[in-house]
């Protein structure tokens, strides 16, 4: 029997990270050399980590979005900006995980569909866990940032994937606190990892009326870019202002506040008693 899932609350959206003043580029591509295995056998992109900060600023210039992921096609109104998720190095006693050579992501709230799917997510440090995938609560797009008031973000957007994020619930991982290092913000030590709240899947923007092409592009993205499992974290507020530009819009003086999420790469397995929950136009 399918468990009923409650609508996303304002509080949940505020915890979530997980399109225009610029010209859209070609479909997302990995950075040069990103698919090359490292000495540990991982690829550059398979080790992406993001630390997500709550943000406060005006809404995007677009009224609606159209994002297709393996879980759903979301063609819904775009909500307020929620989070800035920046590439992060996770420091453990054994070694460092992640890379800073990737793009920032800016996430906006949506009230999306419920795919009625059950998945197993496995992360390198935090283990394996089964989740019911809930409603879509956010979409994320690559973003360039520069300090306000006078900083000018690059208008050339990085070639990274879009993401659609769905609500999940889970347990606090049995893992010691970690140190988190980013490019833009101070090193934060002894960060406690709390319960997971979202799974973010690579998505195709504006699939249009080409379901086969959309599915091929989605599968290509999924073969290169990781799914992200996002856990709640806490930390001191930054209260720094940045100018930002993404394909979803341009915003000036966006306040970056407290850290609220830590998203790590995860491998995904659909459980056999559930379906993908895809709309007919994107099913395989």
Protein backbone atom coordinates (compact mmCIF):
# COMPACT_ATOMS: atom_id res chain seq x y z
CA UNK A 1 0.00 0.00 0.00
CA UNK A 2 1.33 3.40 -0.90
CA UNK A 3 2.05 5.69 2.02
CA UNK A 4 0.30 9.03 1.82
CA UNK A 5 2.72 11.92 1.61
CA UNK A 6 1.88 15.29 3.10
CA UNK A 7 2.28 18.52 1.08
CA UNK A 8 5.57 20.32 1.40
CA UNK A 9 5.48 22.91 4.18
CA UNK A 10 7.15 26.29 4.21
CA UNK A 11 9.58 24.95 6.77
CA UNK A 12 10.64 22.08 4.52
CA UNK A 13 11.13 24.43 1.60
CA UNK A 14 13.31 26.69 3.73
CA UNK A 15 15.55 23.72 4.49
CA UNK A 16 15.94 22.77 0.85
CA UNK A 17 18.99 23.70 -1.01
CA UNK A 18 19.71 19.02 -3.54
CA UNK A 19 15.81 30.21 -15.71
CA UNK A 20 17.06 36.05 -18.29
CA UNK A 21 19.78 38.21 -18.58
CA UNK A 22 22.14 35.67 -20.11
CA UNK A 23 22.04 33.63 -23.29
CA UNK A 24 21.43 29.90 -22.94
CA UNK A 25 24.23 27.66 -24.10
CA UNK A 26 24.13 24.28 -25.77
CA UNK A 27 22.74 21.34 -23.72
CA UNK A 28 24.81 20.71 -20.58
CA UNK A 29 28.15 18.98 -21.03
CA UNK A 30 30.63 17.81 -18.42
CA UNK A 31 33.82 19.87 -18.02
CA UNK A 32 36.82 18.79 -20.07
CA UNK A 33 38.30 15.64 -18.62
CA UNK A 34 35.50 15.28 -16.09
CA UNK A 35 34.69 11.73 -17.07
CA UNK A 36 38.29 10.61 -16.60
CA UNK A 37 38.67 8.21 -13.64
CA UNK A 38 40.79 9.38 -10.74
CA UNK A 39 43.39 7.27 -8.93
CA UNK A 40 40.67 6.05 -6.59
CA UNK A 41 38.57 4.86 -9.52
CA UNK A 42 36.01 7.66 -9.18
CA UNK A 43 35.29 10.21 -11.87
CA UNK A 44 35.55 13.93 -11.31
CA UNK A 45 31.79 14.41 -11.47
CA UNK A 46 30.94 11.33 -9.43
CA UNK A 47 32.52 12.98 -6.39
CA UNK A 48 30.51 16.21 -6.44
CA UNK A 49 29.49 17.52 -3.02
CA UNK A 50 27.52 20.70 -2.36
CA UNK A 51 26.96 22.76 0.76
CA UNK A 52 23.66 24.61 0.58
CA UNK A 53 22.88 27.96 2.18
CA UNK A 54 19.47 29.54 2.59
CA UNK A 55 19.10 32.67 0.46
CA UNK A 56 16.74 35.61 0.43
CA UNK A 57 16.08 37.65 -2.69
CA UNK A 58 13.58 38.49 -5.44
CA UNK A 59 11.99 35.83 -7.58
CA UNK A 60 13.23 34.80 -11.01
CA UNK A 61 12.13 36.52 -14.20
CA UNK A 62 10.32 33.45 -15.53
CA UNK A 63 6.85 32.43 -14.37
CA UNK A 64 6.99 28.71 -15.13
CA UNK A 65 9.53 25.93 -15.57
CA UNK A 66 9.54 22.70 -17.56
CA UNK A 67 12.00 20.15 -16.12
CA UNK A 68 11.97 16.45 -16.98
CA UNK A 69 13.76 13.93 -14.78
CA UNK A 70 13.40 10.17 -14.43
CA UNK A 71 10.79 10.71 -11.72
CA UNK A 72 8.49 13.25 -13.33
CA UNK A 73 7.93 16.09 -15.75
CA UNK A 74 7.39 19.32 -13.83
CA UNK A 75 5.70 22.10 -15.79
CA UNK A 76 4.65 24.31 -12.91
CA UNK A 77 4.99 27.87 -11.59
CA UNK A 78 8.43 28.74 -10.27
CA UNK A 79 8.52 29.70 -6.63
CA UNK A 80 10.88 31.80 -4.56
CA UNK A 81 14.65 31.23 -4.49
CA UNK A 82 15.53 28.80 -1.72
CA UNK A 83 19.21 27.97 -1.65
CA UNK A 84 22.65 28.51 -3.08
CA UNK A 85 24.52 25.20 -3.25
CA UNK A 86 28.25 25.58 -3.68
CA UNK A 87 30.85 22.88 -4.50
CA UNK A 88 32.39 21.54 -1.32
CA UNK A 89 35.31 19.50 -0.06
CA UNK A 90 34.28 17.14 2.74
CA UNK A 91 37.22 16.49 5.06
CA UNK A 92 37.27 13.24 7.04
CA UNK A 93 40.12 11.70 9.06
CA UNK A 94 40.84 9.35 6.15
CA UNK A 95 40.95 11.82 3.27
CA UNK A 96 39.22 14.65 1.44
CA UNK A 97 36.16 14.00 -0.73
CA UNK A 98 34.80 16.22 -3.48
CA UNK A 99 36.05 18.97 -5.76
CA UNK A 100 35.80 22.75 -5.89
CA UNK A 101 36.14 22.75 -9.69
CA UNK A 102 32.44 22.68 -10.45
CA UNK A 103 29.54 25.10 -10.71
CA UNK A 104 27.33 26.60 -8.05
CA UNK A 105 23.64 25.73 -8.13
CA UNK A 106 20.71 27.99 -7.33
CA UNK A 107 17.51 26.31 -6.22
CA UNK A 108 13.92 27.56 -6.42
CA UNK A 109 10.86 26.15 -4.69
CA UNK A 110 8.08 24.45 -6.63
CA UNK A 111 5.01 22.46 -5.67
CA UNK A 112 5.38 19.48 -7.98
CA UNK A 113 4.07 15.97 -8.53
CA UNK A 114 4.44 12.79 -6.49
CA UNK A 115 6.01 9.99 -8.56
CA UNK A 116 5.01 7.20 -6.14
CA UNK A 117 8.41 5.50 -6.39
CA UNK A 118 10.59 3.66 -3.90
CA UNK A 119 14.37 3.78 -4.30
CA UNK A 120 17.53 2.75 -2.53
CA UNK A 121 20.21 5.44 -2.30
CA UNK A 122 23.79 4.51 -1.48
CA UNK A 123 26.47 7.04 -0.58
CA UNK A 124 30.15 6.41 -0.04
CA UNK A 125 30.34 7.60 3.55
CA UNK A 126 26.77 7.57 4.81
CA UNK A 127 25.65 4.10 3.73
CA UNK A 128 22.55 2.70 2.04
CA UNK A 129 18.93 3.57 2.77
CA UNK A 130 15.51 2.92 1.19
CA UNK A 131 13.26 5.95 0.61
CA UNK A 132 9.81 6.66 -0.74
CA UNK A 133 10.16 9.52 -3.23
CA UNK A 134 7.75 12.31 -2.37
CA UNK A 135 6.59 15.41 -4.16
CA UNK A 136 8.92 17.59 -6.20
CA UNK A 137 9.89 20.53 -4.00
CA UNK A 138 12.62 22.36 -5.93
CA UNK A 139 14.50 22.79 -9.19
CA UNK A 140 18.16 23.81 -9.36
CA UNK A 141 20.14 25.47 -12.13
CA UNK A 142 23.82 26.42 -12.60
CA UNK A 143 24.54 29.95 -11.39
CA UNK A 144 27.41 32.43 -11.47
CA UNK A 145 27.90 34.69 -8.45
CA UNK A 146 29.94 37.76 -7.50
CA UNK A 147 30.01 39.82 -4.30
CA UNK A 148 27.51 42.68 -4.14
CA UNK A 149 27.11 45.52 -4.69
CA UNK A 150 29.58 45.96 -7.55
CA UNK A 151 30.55 42.42 -8.53
CA UNK A 152 29.52 41.33 -12.03
CA UNK A 153 28.85 37.59 -12.44
CA UNK A 154 29.95 36.04 -15.72
CA UNK A 155 27.18 35.86 -18.30
CA UNK A 156 28.65 32.61 -19.67
CA UNK A 157 26.90 29.89 -17.71
CA UNK A 158 28.73 26.69 -16.74
CA UNK A 159 27.74 23.51 -18.51
CA UNK A 160 26.35 21.58 -15.61
CA UNK A 161 23.05 19.78 -15.23
CA UNK A 162 19.75 21.03 -13.99
CA UNK A 163 18.24 19.12 -11.09
CA UNK A 164 14.73 18.33 -9.89
CA UNK A 165 14.58 17.65 -6.16
CA UNK A 166 11.98 15.45 -4.45
CA UNK A 167 11.21 15.16 -0.80
CA UNK A 168 12.44 12.08 1.08
CA UNK A 169 12.61 11.04 4.71
CA UNK A 170 15.28 8.99 6.43
CA UNK A 171 17.48 8.40 9.43
CA UNK A 172 20.40 10.39 10.78
CA UNK A 173 23.52 8.67 9.38
CA UNK A 174 25.89 6.97 11.80
CA UNK A 175 28.89 9.09 10.89
CA UNK A 176 31.09 11.50 12.83
CA UNK A 177 30.98 15.22 12.15
CA UNK A 178 32.89 16.47 9.09
CA UNK A 179 34.74 19.62 8.09
CA UNK A 180 33.37 21.40 5.00
CA UNK A 181 35.52 23.63 2.78
CA UNK A 182 34.16 25.83 -0.03
CA UNK A 183 35.57 28.45 -2.40
CA UNK A 184 33.33 31.37 -1.45
CA UNK A 185 32.72 30.89 2.25
CA UNK A 186 34.71 30.11 5.42
CA UNK A 187 35.79 26.61 6.39
CA UNK A 188 33.23 25.14 8.78
CA UNK A 189 34.48 22.52 11.22
CA UNK A 190 32.70 19.67 13.00
CA UNK A 191 29.48 19.86 10.99
CA UNK A 192 26.93 17.32 12.18
CA UNK A 193 25.04 15.52 9.41
CA UNK A 194 21.31 15.31 10.19
CA UNK A 195 18.37 13.56 8.51
CA UNK A 196 18.10 13.43 4.69
CA UNK A 197 15.34 15.56 3.19
CA UNK A 198 15.71 15.43 -0.62
CA UNK A 199 16.94 13.45 -3.60
CA UNK A 200 17.91 15.56 -6.61
CA UNK A 201 17.95 13.92 -10.05
CA UNK A 202 19.58 15.32 -13.22
CA UNK A 203 16.90 16.92 -15.37
CA UNK A 204 16.35 18.15 -18.92
CA UNK A 205 15.00 21.70 -19.24
CA UNK A 206 12.27 22.47 -21.80
CA UNK A 207 11.98 18.98 -23.30
CA UNK A 208 9.21 20.13 -25.64
CA UNK A 209 7.48 17.62 -27.91
CA UNK A 210 10.47 15.35 -28.48
CA UNK A 211 10.09 12.59 -25.86
CA UNK A 212 12.69 10.30 -27.45
CA UNK A 213 15.28 13.06 -27.65
CA UNK A 214 14.44 14.13 -24.12
CA UNK A 215 14.87 10.63 -22.77
CA UNK A 216 18.18 10.18 -24.60
CA UNK A 217 19.48 13.46 -23.17
CA UNK A 218 18.25 12.55 -19.69
CA UNK A 219 19.95 9.16 -19.83
CA UNK A 220 23.16 10.81 -21.04
CA UNK A 221 23.10 13.21 -18.10
CA UNK A 222 22.44 10.40 -15.65
CA UNK A 223 25.43 8.48 -16.99
CA UNK A 224 27.72 11.42 -16.26
CA UNK A 225 26.29 13.49 -13.41
CA UNK A 226 25.44 11.98 -10.02
CA UNK A 227 22.17 11.96 -8.19
CA UNK A 228 22.43 14.03 -5.02
CA UNK A 229 21.16 13.00 -1.60
CA UNK A 230 20.71 16.03 0.62
CA UNK A 231 21.02 16.01 4.40
CA UNK A 232 20.16 18.76 6.84
CA UNK A 233 22.99 20.64 8.54
CA UNK A 234 23.26 23.69 10.78
CA UNK A 235 25.80 26.46 11.13
CA UNK A 236 26.35 30.16 11.79
CA UNK A 237 24.68 32.59 9.37
CA UNK A 238 26.82 34.39 6.81
CA UNK A 239 24.51 37.31 5.91
CA UNK A 240 26.60 38.21 2.85
CA UNK A 241 25.12 39.75 -0.32
CA UNK A 242 25.88 38.45 -3.82
CA UNK A 243 24.81 39.23 -7.36
CA UNK A 244 23.72 36.12 -9.25
CA UNK A 245 22.89 35.16 -12.81
CA UNK A 246 21.46 31.90 -14.14
CA UNK A 247 19.32 30.81 -17.06
CA UNK A 248 16.36 31.24 -14.71
CA UNK A 249 17.06 34.93 -14.18
CA UNK A 250 19.34 37.62 -12.78
CA UNK A 251 19.22 38.84 -9.18
CA UNK A 252 21.24 41.50 -7.39
CA UNK A 253 21.93 41.70 -3.69
CA UNK A 254 20.84 38.18 -2.80
CA UNK A 255 21.53 37.55 0.88
CA UNK A 256 23.29 34.26 1.62
CA UNK A 257 22.28 33.20 5.12
CA UNK A 258 22.78 30.08 7.23
CA UNK A 259 23.93 26.67 5.93
CA UNK A 260 21.00 24.26 5.80
CA UNK A 261 21.90 21.36 3.51
CA UNK A 262 24.75 19.08 2.50
CA UNK A 263 24.24 17.18 -0.76
CA UNK A 264 26.43 14.19 -1.61
CA UNK A 265 26.64 11.95 -4.69
CA UNK A 266 24.51 8.83 -4.47
CA UNK A 267 23.87 5.77 -6.58
CA UNK A 268 20.19 4.97 -7.08
CA UNK A 269 18.36 1.67 -7.39
CA UNK A 270 14.63 1.40 -8.01
CA UNK A 271 12.95 -1.14 -5.78
CA UNK A 272 11.25 -3.91 -7.80
CA UNK A 273 7.73 -3.41 -6.41
CA UNK A 274 7.56 0.19 -7.66
CA UNK A 275 7.45 1.81 -11.08
CA UNK A 276 9.48 4.77 -12.28
CA UNK A 277 6.44 6.98 -12.06
CA UNK A 278 7.34 8.62 -15.37
CA UNK A 279 4.75 10.31 -17.55
CA UNK A 280 4.10 8.36 -20.77
CA UNK A 281 6.14 10.74 -22.89
CA UNK A 282 9.38 10.04 -21.04
CA UNK A 283 9.08 6.36 -20.18
CA UNK A 284 11.53 3.92 -21.70
